[in-house]
PDB file of N, CA and C in Angstrom:
ATOM      1  N   MET A   1      87.089 -32.723  31.775  1.00  0.00           N
ATOM      2  CA  MET A   1      86.398 -33.916  32.362  1.00  0.00           C
ATOM      3  C   MET A   1      87.265 -34.185  33.549  1.00  0.00           C
ATOM      4  N   LYS A   2      86.820 -34.895  34.644  1.00  0.00           N
ATOM      5  CA  LYS A   2      87.737 -35.224  36.013  1.00  0.00           C
ATOM      6  C   LYS A   2      87.885 -36.553  35.699  1.00  0.00           C
ATOM      7  N   ASN A   3      88.818 -37.150  36.659  1.00  0.00           N
ATOM      8  CA  ASN A   3      89.431 -38.347  36.506  1.00  0.00           C
ATOM      9  C   ASN A   3      88.256 -39.359  36.389  1.00  0.00           C
ATOM     10  N   ASN A   4      88.429 -40.848  35.586  1.00  0.00           N
ATOM     11  CA  ASN A   4      87.858 -41.541  35.965  1.00  0.00           C
ATOM     12  C   ASN A   4      86.367 -40.928  35.141  1.00  0.00           C
ATOM     13  N   GLU A   5      85.746 -40.416  34.760  1.00  0.00           N
ATOM     14  CA  GLU A   5      84.439 -39.480  34.675  1.00  0.00           C
ATOM     15  C   GLU A   5      83.772 -40.200  33.415  1.00  0.00           C
ATOM     16  N   ILE A   6      82.457 -40.557  33.183  1.00  0.00           N
ATOM     17  CA  ILE A   6      82.036 -41.347  32.472  1.00  0.00           C
ATOM     18  C   ILE A   6      81.061 -40.493  31.299  1.00  0.00           C
ATOM     19  N   VAL A   7      81.350 -40.722  30.053  1.00  0.00           N
ATOM     20  CA  VAL A   7      80.961 -39.513  29.068  1.00  0.00           C
ATOM     21  C   VAL A   7      80.177 -40.780  28.626  1.00  0.00           C
ATOM     22  N   GLY A   8      78.714 -40.545  28.555  1.00  0.00           N
ATOM     23  CA  GLY A   8      77.810 -41.556  27.674  1.00  0.00           C
ATOM     24  C   GLY A   8      78.291 -43.047  27.797  1.00  0.00           C
ATOM     25  N   ASP A   9      78.555 -43.834  27.223  1.00  0.00           N
ATOM     26  CA  ASP A   9      78.747 -45.389  27.674  1.00  0.00           C
ATOM     27  C   ASP A   9      80.089 -45.528  27.932  1.00  0.00           C
ATOM     28  N   LEU A  10      81.060 -44.581  27.413  1.00  0.00           N
ATOM     29  CA  LEU A  10      82.222 -44.551  27.560  1.00  0.00           C
ATOM     30  C   LEU A  10      83.179 -43.954  29.038  1.00  0.00           C
ATOM     31  N   ARG A  11      83.955 -44.711  29.591  1.00  0.00           N
ATOM     32  CA  ARG A  11      84.676 -44.367  30.632  1.00  0.00           C
ATOM     33  C   ARG A  11      85.868 -43.961  30.477  1.00  0.00           C
ATOM     34  N   ARG A  12      86.378 -42.555  30.535  1.00  0.00           N
ATOM     35  CA  ARG A  12      87.812 -42.370  29.964  1.00  0.00           C
ATOM     36  C   ARG A  12      88.603 -42.502  31.595  1.00  0.00           C
ATOM     37  N   LEU A  13      89.739 -43.133  31.635  1.00  0.00           N
ATOM     38  CA  LEU A  13      90.052 -43.425  32.785  1.00  0.00           C
ATOM     39  C   LEU A  13      91.681 -42.486  32.328  1.00  0.00           C
ATOM     40  N   LYS A  14      91.868 -41.806  33.361  1.00  0.00           N
ATOM     41  CA  LYS A  14      93.209 -41.058  33.866  1.00  0.00           C
ATOM     42  C   LYS A  14      93.892 -41.546  34.676  1.00  0.00           C
ATOM     43  N   ASP A  15      94.688 -42.332  34.456  1.00  0.00           N
ATOM     44  CA  ASP A  15      95.741 -43.039  35.577  1.00  0.00           C
ATOM     45  C   ASP A  15      96.350 -43.936  34.653  1.00  0.00           C
ATOM     46  N   CYS A  16      97.690 -43.954  35.282  1.00  0.00           N
ATOM     47  CA  CYS A  16      98.433 -45.022  34.444  1.00  0.00           C
ATOM     48  C   CYS A  16      98.946 -46.317  35.639  1.00  0.00           C
ATOM     49  N   SER A  17      97.850 -46.702  36.181  1.00  0.00           N
ATOM     50  CA  SER A  17      98.160 -47.889  37.113  1.00  0.00           C
ATOM     51  C   SER A  17      98.023 -49.222  36.041  1.00  0.00           C
ATOM     52  N   GLY A  18      98.576 -50.022  36.537  1.00  0.00           N
ATOM     53  CA  GLY A  18      98.478 -51.505  35.889  1.00  0.00           C
ATOM     54  C   GLY A  18     100.339 -52.009  35.809  1.00  0.00           C
ATOM     55  N   THR A  19     100.548 -52.965  35.383  1.00  0.00           N
ATOM     56  CA  THR A  19     101.955 -53.920  35.204  1.00  0.00           C
ATOM     57  C   THR A  19     102.404 -53.506  34.040  1.00  0.00           C
ATOM     58  N   SER A  20     103.419 -52.748  34.239  1.00  0.00           N
ATOM     59  CA  SER A  20     104.508 -52.303  32.939  1.00  0.00           C
ATOM     60  C   SER A  20     104.812 -53.584  32.308  1.00  0.00           C
ATOM     61  N   GLY A  21     104.558 -53.606  31.021  1.00  0.00           N
ATOM     62  CA  GLY A  21     104.512 -54.358  29.985  1.00  0.00           C
ATOM     63  C   GLY A  21     103.302 -55.287  29.788  1.00  0.00           C
ATOM     64  N   PHE A  22     102.284 -54.749  30.178  1.00  0.00           N
ATOM     65  CA  PHE A  22     100.892 -55.151  29.965  1.00  0.00           C
ATOM     66  C   PHE A  22     100.062 -53.855  30.037  1.00  0.00           C
ATOM     67  N   ARG A  23     100.456 -53.245  29.926  1.00  0.00           N
ATOM     68  CA  ARG A  23      99.920 -51.646  30.167  1.00  0.00           C
ATOM     69  C   ARG A  23      99.416 -51.172  28.548  1.00  0.00           C
ATOM     70  N   CYS A  24      98.793 -50.776  28.071  1.00  0.00           N
ATOM     71  CA  CYS A  24      98.691 -50.113  26.318  1.00  0.00           C
ATOM     72  C   CYS A  24      99.203 -48.652  26.685  1.00  0.00           C
ATOM     73  N   PRO A  25      99.269 -48.524  25.599  1.00  0.00           N
ATOM     74  CA  PRO A  25     100.570 -46.923  25.238  1.00  0.00           C
ATOM     75  C   PRO A  25      99.838 -46.201  25.912  1.00  0.00           C
ATOM     76  N   GLU A  26      98.476 -46.114  25.419  1.00  0.00           N
ATOM     77  CA  GLU A  26      97.616 -45.010  25.992  1.00  0.00           C
ATOM     78  C   GLU A  26      97.932 -44.257  27.306  1.00  0.00           C
ATOM     79  N   MET A  27      97.814 -45.589  28.286  1.00  0.00           N
ATOM     80  CA  MET A  27      97.339 -45.550  29.492  1.00  0.00           C
ATOM     81  C   MET A  27      98.912 -44.735  30.032  1.00  0.00           C
ATOM     82  N   GLN A  28     100.064 -45.036  29.378  1.00  0.00           N
ATOM     83  CA  GLN A  28     101.246 -44.360  30.008  1.00  0.00           C
ATOM     84  C   GLN A  28     101.359 -42.842  29.431  1.00  0.00           C
ATOM     85  N   PHE A  29     100.978 -42.357  27.898  1.00  0.00           N
ATOM     86  CA  PHE A  29     101.416 -41.826  26.910  1.00  0.00           C
ATOM     87  C   PHE A  29     100.136 -40.566  26.488  1.00  0.00           C
ATOM     88  N   ASN A  30      99.184 -40.798  27.023  1.00  0.00           N
ATOM     89  CA  ASN A  30      97.747 -40.007  26.550  1.00  0.00           C
ATOM     90  C   ASN A  30      96.611 -39.742  28.017  1.00  0.00           C
ATOM     91  N   LEU A  31      97.362 -39.542  28.856  1.00  0.00           N
ATOM     92  CA  LEU A  31      96.677 -38.902  30.135  1.00  0.00           C
ATOM     93  C   LEU A  31      95.730 -37.921  30.098  1.00  0.00           C
ATOM     94  N   ASP A  32      96.321 -36.982  29.489  1.00  0.00           N
ATOM     95  CA  ASP A  32      95.256 -35.608  29.062  1.00  0.00           C
ATOM     96  C   ASP A  32      93.992 -36.412  28.630  1.00  0.00           C
ATOM     97  N   GLU A  33      93.749 -37.027  27.345  1.00  0.00           N
ATOM     98  CA  GLU A  33      92.664 -37.584  27.000  1.00  0.00           C
ATOM     99  C   GLU A  33      92.235 -38.342  27.649  1.00  0.00           C
ATOM    100  N   GLY A  34      92.901 -39.253  28.258  1.00  0.00           N
ATOM    101  CA  GLY A  34      92.434 -40.480  29.233  1.00  0.00           C
ATOM    102  C   GLY A  34      92.102 -41.640  28.081  1.00  0.00           C
ATOM    103  N   TYR A  35      92.008 -43.033  28.433  1.00  0.00           N
ATOM    104  CA  TYR A  35      92.148 -44.037  27.818  1.00  0.00           C
ATOM    105  C   TYR A  35      90.554 -45.059  28.122  1.00  0.00           C
ATOM    106  N   ASP A  36      90.488 -45.599  27.353  1.00  0.00           N
ATOM    107  CA  ASP A  36      89.251 -46.437  27.241  1.00  0.00           C
ATOM    108  C   ASP A  36      89.489 -47.789  28.222  1.00  0.00           C
ATOM    109  N   GLY A  37      89.035 -47.816  29.413  1.00  0.00           N
ATOM    110  CA  GLY A  37      89.672 -49.317  29.929  1.00  0.00           C
ATOM    111  C   GLY A  37      89.292 -50.601  29.658  1.00  0.00           C
ATOM    112  N   LYS A  38      87.895 -50.140  28.846  1.00  0.00           N
ATOM    113  CA  LYS A  38      87.734 -52.032  27.735  1.00  0.00           C
ATOM    114  C   LYS A  38      88.664 -51.868  26.705  1.00  0.00           C
ATOM    115  N   ALA A  39      89.445 -51.225  26.065  1.00  0.00           N
ATOM    116  CA  ALA A  39      90.414 -51.180  25.162  1.00  0.00           C
ATOM    117  C   ALA A  39      91.673 -51.735  25.968  1.00  0.00           C
ATOM    118  N   ALA A  40      92.091 -51.340  27.098  1.00  0.00           N
ATOM    119  CA  ALA A  40      93.195 -51.360  27.444  1.00  0.00           C
ATOM    120  C   ALA A  40      93.008 -53.043  27.721  1.00  0.00           C
ATOM    121  N   ASP A  41      91.916 -53.346  28.150  1.00  0.00           N
ATOM    122  CA  ASP A  41      92.069 -54.622  28.915  1.00  0.00           C
ATOM    123  C   ASP A  41      92.160 -55.741  27.765  1.00  0.00           C
ATOM    124  N   ILE A  42      91.694 -55.459  26.673  1.00  0.00           N
ATOM    125  CA  ILE A  42      91.752 -56.053  25.194  1.00  0.00           C
ATOM    126  C   ILE A  42      93.415 -56.349  24.976  1.00  0.00           C
ATOM    127  N   TRP A  43      94.025 -55.098  25.637  1.00  0.00           N
ATOM    128  CA  TRP A  43      95.494 -54.832  25.113  1.00  0.00           C
ATOM    129  C   TRP A  43      96.182 -55.942  25.662  1.00  0.00           C
ATOM    130  N   SER A  44      95.652 -55.740  26.824  1.00  0.00           N
ATOM    131  CA  SER A  44      96.510 -56.670  28.235  1.00  0.00           C
ATOM    132  C   SER A  44      96.027 -58.260  28.022  1.00  0.00           C
ATOM    133  N   LEU A  45      95.003 -58.544  27.554  1.00  0.00           N
ATOM    134  CA  LEU A  45      94.728 -59.879  27.302  1.00  0.00           C
ATOM    135  C   LEU A  45      95.752 -60.227  26.076  1.00  0.00           C
ATOM    136  N   GLY A  46      95.698 -59.833  24.977  1.00  0.00           N
ATOM    137  CA  GLY A  46      96.401 -60.327  24.028  1.00  0.00           C
ATOM    138  C   GLY A  46      97.765 -60.361  24.377  1.00  0.00           C
ATOM    139  N   ILE A  47      98.446 -59.563  25.244  1.00  0.00           N
ATOM    140  CA  ILE A  47      99.988 -59.279  25.933  1.00  0.00           C
ATOM    141  C   ILE A  47     100.205 -60.690  26.684  1.00  0.00           C
ATOM    142  N   CYS A  48      98.945 -61.168  27.325  1.00  0.00           N
ATOM    143  CA  CYS A  48      98.794 -62.290  28.409  1.00  0.00           C
ATOM    144  C   CYS A  48      99.108 -63.349  27.423  1.00  0.00           C
ATOM    145  N   ILE A  49      98.295 -63.450  26.086  1.00  0.00           N
ATOM    146  CA  ILE A  49      98.293 -64.608  25.312  1.00  0.00           C
ATOM    147  C   ILE A  49      99.791 -64.875  24.887  1.00  0.00           C
ATOM    148  N   LEU A  50      99.947 -63.816  24.316  1.00  0.00           N
ATOM    149  CA  LEU A  50     101.764 -63.774  23.654  1.00  0.00           C
ATOM    150  C   LEU A  50     102.662 -64.147  24.898  1.00  0.00           C
ATOM    151  N   THR A  51     102.613 -63.972  26.003  1.00  0.00           N
ATOM    152  CA  THR A  51     103.324 -64.055  26.602  1.00  0.00           C
ATOM    153  C   THR A  51     103.454 -65.530  27.452  1.00  0.00           C
ATOM    154  N   TYR A  52     102.011 -66.204  27.564  1.00  0.00           N
ATOM    155  CA  TYR A  52     101.750 -67.640  27.638  1.00  0.00           C
ATOM    156  C   TYR A  52     102.704 -68.462  26.596  1.00  0.00           C
ATOM    157  N   VAL A  53     102.437 -67.783  25.138  1.00  0.00           N
ATOM    158  CA  VAL A  53     102.713 -68.703  24.153  1.00  0.00           C
ATOM    159  C   VAL A  53     104.330 -68.368  24.407  1.00  0.00           C
ATOM    160  N   ASN A  54     104.850 -67.548  23.905  1.00  0.00           N
ATOM    161  CA  ASN A  54     106.129 -67.499  23.932  1.00  0.00           C
ATOM    162  C   ASN A  54     107.239 -67.542  25.593  1.00  0.00           C
ATOM    163  N   PHE A  55     106.931 -67.745  26.150  1.00  0.00           N
ATOM    164  CA  PHE A  55     107.048 -67.501  27.680  1.00  0.00           C
ATOM    165  C   PHE A  55     108.006 -66.319  28.128  1.00  0.00           C
ATOM    166  N   LYS A  56     107.515 -65.370  27.236  1.00  0.00           N
ATOM    167  CA  LYS A  56     108.280 -63.827  27.697  1.00  0.00           C
ATOM    168  C   LYS A  56     107.092 -62.989  27.549  1.00  0.00           C
ATOM    169  N   ILE A  57     107.496 -61.891  28.137  1.00  0.00           N
ATOM    170  CA  ILE A  57     106.758 -60.376  28.082  1.00  0.00           C
ATOM    171  C   ILE A  57     107.347 -59.745  27.099  1.00  0.00           C
ATOM    172  N   PRO A  58     106.657 -59.561  26.209  1.00  0.00           N
ATOM    173  CA  PRO A  58     106.836 -58.730  24.513  1.00  0.00           C
ATOM    174  C   PRO A  58     107.296 -57.323  25.190  1.00  0.00           C
ATOM    175  N   PHE A  59     108.284 -56.557  24.641  1.00  0.00           N
ATOM    176  CA  PHE A  59     108.353 -55.295  24.765  1.00  0.00           C
ATOM    177  C   PHE A  59     109.683 -54.973  26.281  1.00  0.00           C
ATOM    178  N   TRP A  60     109.541 -56.098  26.589  1.00  0.00           N
ATOM    179  CA  TRP A  60     110.102 -56.039  28.274  1.00  0.00           C
ATOM    180  C   TRP A  60     111.379 -55.253  28.298  1.00  0.00           C
ATOM    181  N   SER A  61     111.505 -54.719  29.058  1.00  0.00           N
ATOM    182  CA  SER A  61     113.380 -54.138  29.147  1.00  0.00           C
ATOM    183  C   SER A  61     113.988 -54.331  30.632  1.00  0.00           C
ATOM    184  N   ASP A  62     114.838 -54.327  30.812  1.00  0.00           N
ATOM    185  CA  ASP A  62     115.233 -54.771  32.155  1.00  0.00           C
ATOM    186  C   ASP A  62     115.784 -53.435  32.573  1.00  0.00           C
ATOM    187  N   SER A  63     115.933 -52.558  31.787  1.00  0.00           N
ATOM    188  CA  SER A  63     116.487 -51.096  32.692  1.00  0.00           C
ATOM    189  C   SER A  63     115.586 -50.320  33.332  1.00  0.00           C
ATOM    190  N   SER A  64     114.213 -50.384  32.730  1.00  0.00           N
ATOM    191  CA  SER A  64     113.338 -49.516  33.472  1.00  0.00           C
ATOM    192  C   SER A  64     111.726 -49.841  33.093  1.00  0.00           C
ATOM    193  N   ASN A  65     110.778 -49.632  33.925  1.00  0.00           N
ATOM    194  CA  ASN A  65     109.366 -49.801  33.301  1.00  0.00           C
ATOM    195  C   ASN A  65     109.175 -48.622  32.141  1.00  0.00           C
ATOM    196  N   LEU A  66     109.592 -47.374  32.793  1.00  0.00           N
ATOM    197  CA  LEU A  66     109.180 -46.512  31.334  1.00  0.00           C
ATOM    198  C   LEU A  66     110.146 -47.057  29.980  1.00  0.00           C
ATOM    199  N   GLU A  67     111.094 -47.771  30.265  1.00  0.00           N
ATOM    200  CA  GLU A  67     111.529 -48.313  29.039  1.00  0.00           C
ATOM    201  C   GLU A  67     110.577 -49.061  28.351  1.00  0.00           C
ATOM    202  N   THR A  68     109.897 -49.925  29.221  1.00  0.00           N
ATOM    203  CA  THR A  68     109.038 -51.029  28.514  1.00  0.00           C
ATOM    204  C   THR A  68     108.010 -50.614  27.866  1.00  0.00           C
ATOM    205  N   ASP A  69     107.458 -49.274  28.829  1.00  0.00           N
ATOM    206  CA  ASP A  69     106.235 -48.719  28.024  1.00  0.00           C
ATOM    207  C   ASP A  69     106.186 -48.438  26.857  1.00  0.00           C
ATOM    208  N   ILE A  70     107.725 -47.403  26.675  1.00  0.00           N
ATOM    209  CA  ILE A  70     108.227 -46.585  25.423  1.00  0.00           C
ATOM    210  C   ILE A  70     108.357 -47.871  24.519  1.00  0.00           C
ATOM    211  N   ASN A  71     109.016 -49.026  24.283  1.00  0.00           N
ATOM    212  CA  ASN A  71     108.658 -49.839  23.379  1.00  0.00           C
ATOM    213  C   ASN A  71     107.667 -50.413  23.000  1.00  0.00           C
ATOM    214  N   ALA A  72     106.501 -50.686  24.190  1.00  0.00           N
ATOM    215  CA  ALA A  72     104.850 -51.115  23.792  1.00  0.00           C
ATOM    216  C   ALA A  72     104.657 -49.952  22.555  1.00  0.00           C
ATOM    217  N   LYS A  73     105.016 -48.600  22.928  1.00  0.00           N
ATOM    218  CA  LYS A  73     104.199 -47.682  22.457  1.00  0.00           C
ATOM    219  C   LYS A  73     104.886 -47.407  21.001  1.00  0.00           C
ATOM    220  N   ASN A  74     106.425 -47.800  20.594  1.00  0.00           N
ATOM    221  CA  ASN A  74     107.252 -47.397  19.490  1.00  0.00           C
ATOM    222  C   ASN A  74     107.371 -48.661  18.756  1.00  0.00           C
ATOM    223  N   ASN A  75     107.841 -50.044  19.102  1.00  0.00           N
ATOM    224  CA  ASN A  75     108.202 -51.130  18.727  1.00  0.00           C
ATOM    225  C   ASN A  75     106.796 -52.068  18.423  1.00  0.00           C
ATOM    226  N   PRO A  76     107.105 -52.531  17.075  1.00  0.00           N
ATOM    227  CA  PRO A  76     105.882 -53.586  16.493  1.00  0.00           C
ATOM    228  C   PRO A  76     106.230 -54.594  17.711  1.00  0.00           C
ATOM    229  N   LEU A  77     105.031 -55.489  17.411  1.00  0.00           N
ATOM    230  CA  LEU A  77     104.814 -56.915  18.420  1.00  0.00           C
ATOM    231  C   LEU A  77     105.842 -57.884  18.103  1.00  0.00           C
ATOM    232  N   PRO A  78     106.729 -58.350  19.196  1.00  0.00           N
ATOM    233  CA  PRO A  78     107.577 -59.558  18.430  1.00  0.00           C
ATOM    234  C   PRO A  78     107.194 -60.623  18.937  1.00  0.00           C
ATOM    235  N   PHE A  79     106.923 -60.903  17.631  1.00  0.00           N
ATOM    236  CA  PHE A  79     106.450 -62.558  17.246  1.00  0.00           C
ATOM    237  C   PHE A  79     107.628 -63.587  17.285  1.00  0.00           C
ATOM    238  N   GLU A  80     107.461 -64.770  17.630  1.00  0.00           N
ATOM    239  CA  GLU A  80     108.572 -65.738  17.149  1.00  0.00           C
ATOM    240  C   GLU A  80     108.006 -66.339  15.937  1.00  0.00           C
ATOM    241  N   GLU A  81     109.349 -67.217  15.095  1.00  0.00           N
ATOM    242  CA  GLU A  81     109.411 -67.776  14.188  1.00  0.00           C
ATOM    243  C   GLU A  81     107.984 -68.761  14.142  1.00  0.00           C
ATOM    244  N   GLU A  82     107.826 -69.501  15.208  1.00  0.00           N
ATOM    245  CA  GLU A  82     106.565 -70.402  14.727  1.00  0.00           C
ATOM    246  C   GLU A  82     105.676 -69.989  15.244  1.00  0.00           C
ATOM    247  N   ASN A  83     105.247 -68.913  15.838  1.00  0.00           N
ATOM    248  CA  ASN A  83     104.038 -68.485  16.162  1.00  0.00           C
ATOM    249  C   ASN A  83     102.903 -68.181  14.618  1.00  0.00           C
ATOM    250  N   SER A  84     102.171 -69.003  14.794  1.00  0.00           N
ATOM    251  CA  SER A  84     101.097 -69.192  13.841  1.00  0.00           C
ATOM    252  C   SER A  84     100.401 -67.920  13.296  1.00  0.00           C
ATOM    253  N   THR A  85     100.333 -67.693  11.803  1.00  0.00           N
ATOM    254  CA  THR A  85      99.297 -66.539  11.311  1.00  0.00           C
ATOM    255  C   THR A  85      97.923 -66.351  11.727  1.00  0.00           C
ATOM    256  N   VAL A  86      97.635 -67.513  12.414  1.00  0.00           N
ATOM    257  CA  VAL A  86      96.222 -67.061  13.016  1.00  0.00           C
ATOM    258  C   VAL A  86      96.587 -66.299  14.833  1.00  0.00           C
ATOM    259  N   LEU A  87      97.202 -66.986  15.098  1.00  0.00           N
ATOM    260  CA  LEU A  87      97.604 -66.123  15.995  1.00  0.00           C
ATOM    261  C   LEU A  87      98.438 -64.670  16.227  1.00  0.00           C
ATOM    262  N   ARG A  88      98.965 -64.537  15.079  1.00  0.00           N
ATOM    263  CA  ARG A  88      99.786 -63.415  14.672  1.00  0.00           C
ATOM    264  C   ARG A  88      98.484 -62.221  14.098  1.00  0.00           C
ATOM    265  N   ASP A  89      97.473 -62.809  13.381  1.00  0.00           N
ATOM    266  CA  ASP A  89      96.207 -61.774  13.177  1.00  0.00           C
ATOM    267  C   ASP A  89      95.499 -61.482  14.520  1.00  0.00           C
ATOM    268  N   LEU A  90      95.594 -62.520  15.528  1.00  0.00           N
ATOM    269  CA  LEU A  90      94.569 -62.381  16.603  1.00  0.00           C
ATOM    270  C   LEU A  90      95.120 -61.299  17.283  1.00  0.00           C
ATOM    271  N   ILE A  91      96.249 -61.629  17.859  1.00  0.00           N
ATOM    272  CA  ILE A  91      97.002 -60.283  18.607  1.00  0.00           C
ATOM    273  C   ILE A  91      97.465 -59.177  18.061  1.00  0.00           C
ATOM    274  N   GLU A  92      97.850 -58.992  16.668  1.00  0.00           N
ATOM    275  CA  GLU A  92      98.040 -57.657  15.916  1.00  0.00           C
ATOM    276  C   GLU A  92      96.421 -56.747  16.181  1.00  0.00           C
ATOM    277  N   LYS A  93      95.196 -57.583  16.077  1.00  0.00           N
ATOM    278  CA  LYS A  93      93.907 -56.850  16.763  1.00  0.00           C
ATOM    279  C   LYS A  93      94.039 -56.564  17.713  1.00  0.00           C
ATOM    280  N   MET A  94      94.174 -57.244  18.856  1.00  0.00           N
ATOM    281  CA  MET A  94      94.123 -57.281  20.323  1.00  0.00           C
ATOM    282  C   MET A  94      94.957 -56.160  20.490  1.00  0.00           C
ATOM    283  N   CYS A  95      96.227 -56.090  20.011  1.00  0.00           N
ATOM    284  CA  CYS A  95      97.041 -55.079  20.255  1.00  0.00           C
ATOM    285  C   CYS A  95      97.827 -53.670  19.598  1.00  0.00           C
ATOM    286  N   ALA A  96      96.353 -53.716  19.018  1.00  0.00           N
ATOM    287  CA  ALA A  96      96.764 -52.269  17.776  1.00  0.00           C
ATOM    288  C   ALA A  96      96.711 -51.505  18.526  1.00  0.00           C
ATOM    289  N   LYS A  97      98.150 -50.460  17.869  1.00  0.00           N
ATOM    290  CA  LYS A  97      98.394 -49.466  18.845  1.00  0.00           C
ATOM    291  C   LYS A  97      97.561 -48.096  19.068  1.00  0.00           C
ATOM    292  N   GLU A  98      96.460 -47.872  18.046  1.00  0.00           N
ATOM    293  CA  GLU A  98      95.293 -47.308  18.242  1.00  0.00           C
ATOM    294  C   GLU A  98      94.395 -47.897  18.872  1.00  0.00           C
ATOM    295  N   GLU A  99      93.582 -47.415  20.145  1.00  0.00           N
ATOM    296  CA  GLU A  99      92.744 -48.031  20.788  1.00  0.00           C
ATOM    297  C   GLU A  99      91.049 -48.150  20.265  1.00  0.00           C
ATOM    298  N   ALA A 100      91.092 -47.188  19.135  1.00  0.00           N
ATOM    299  CA  ALA A 100      89.943 -47.730  18.409  1.00  0.00           C
ATOM    300  C   ALA A 100      90.001 -48.534  17.184  1.00  0.00           C
ATOM    301  N   ASN A 101      91.311 -49.199  17.173  1.00  0.00           N
ATOM    302  CA  ASN A 101      91.354 -50.073  15.954  1.00  0.00           C
ATOM    303  C   ASN A 101      91.483 -51.155  16.397  1.00  0.00           C
ATOM    304  N   ARG A 102      91.308 -51.582  17.854  1.00  0.00           N
ATOM    305  CA  ARG A 102      91.344 -52.502  18.370  1.00  0.00           C
ATOM    306  C   ARG A 102      90.242 -53.645  18.127  1.00  0.00           C
ATOM    307  N   LEU A 103      90.475 -54.710  18.557  1.00  0.00           N
ATOM    308  CA  LEU A 103      88.989 -55.732  18.752  1.00  0.00           C
ATOM    309  C   LEU A 103      88.333 -55.257  19.786  1.00  0.00           C
ATOM    310  N   THR A 104      87.332 -55.699  19.878  1.00  0.00           N
ATOM    311  CA  THR A 104      86.277 -55.190  20.972  1.00  0.00           C
ATOM    312  C   THR A 104      85.686 -56.680  21.471  1.00  0.00           C
ATOM    313  N   ILE A 105      85.228 -56.496  23.016  1.00  0.00           N
ATOM    314  CA  ILE A 105      84.942 -58.214  23.206  1.00  0.00           C
ATOM    315  C   ILE A 105      84.164 -58.193  22.523  1.00  0.00           C
ATOM    316  N   GLU A 106      82.683 -57.502  22.113  1.00  0.00           N
ATOM    317  CA  GLU A 106      81.715 -58.158  21.120  1.00  0.00           C
ATOM    318  C   GLU A 106      82.226 -58.770  20.083  1.00  0.00           C
TER     319      GLU A 106
END
């Protein structure tokens, strides 16, 4: 498969562009198989919502972008005590570590 080749209805992307802290784990760590751009967008939207609600970027590391990406891959989502169960449920489904388990826009 070539970079950004379309396979059926699924486009597998093979770059790791994007903003650290908002990239899904497979963008940084799964480049051989590529990643689904739509699933990556759902992850990023979930991170945006959590950032707006809690006023801080989940998984953020001041040491490096790579450390932020490693945190996103390995650590659980960091919720605040005041985050509702409805918000937690939504974000957990949007930011499932496995792209196949993420909510879809449909």
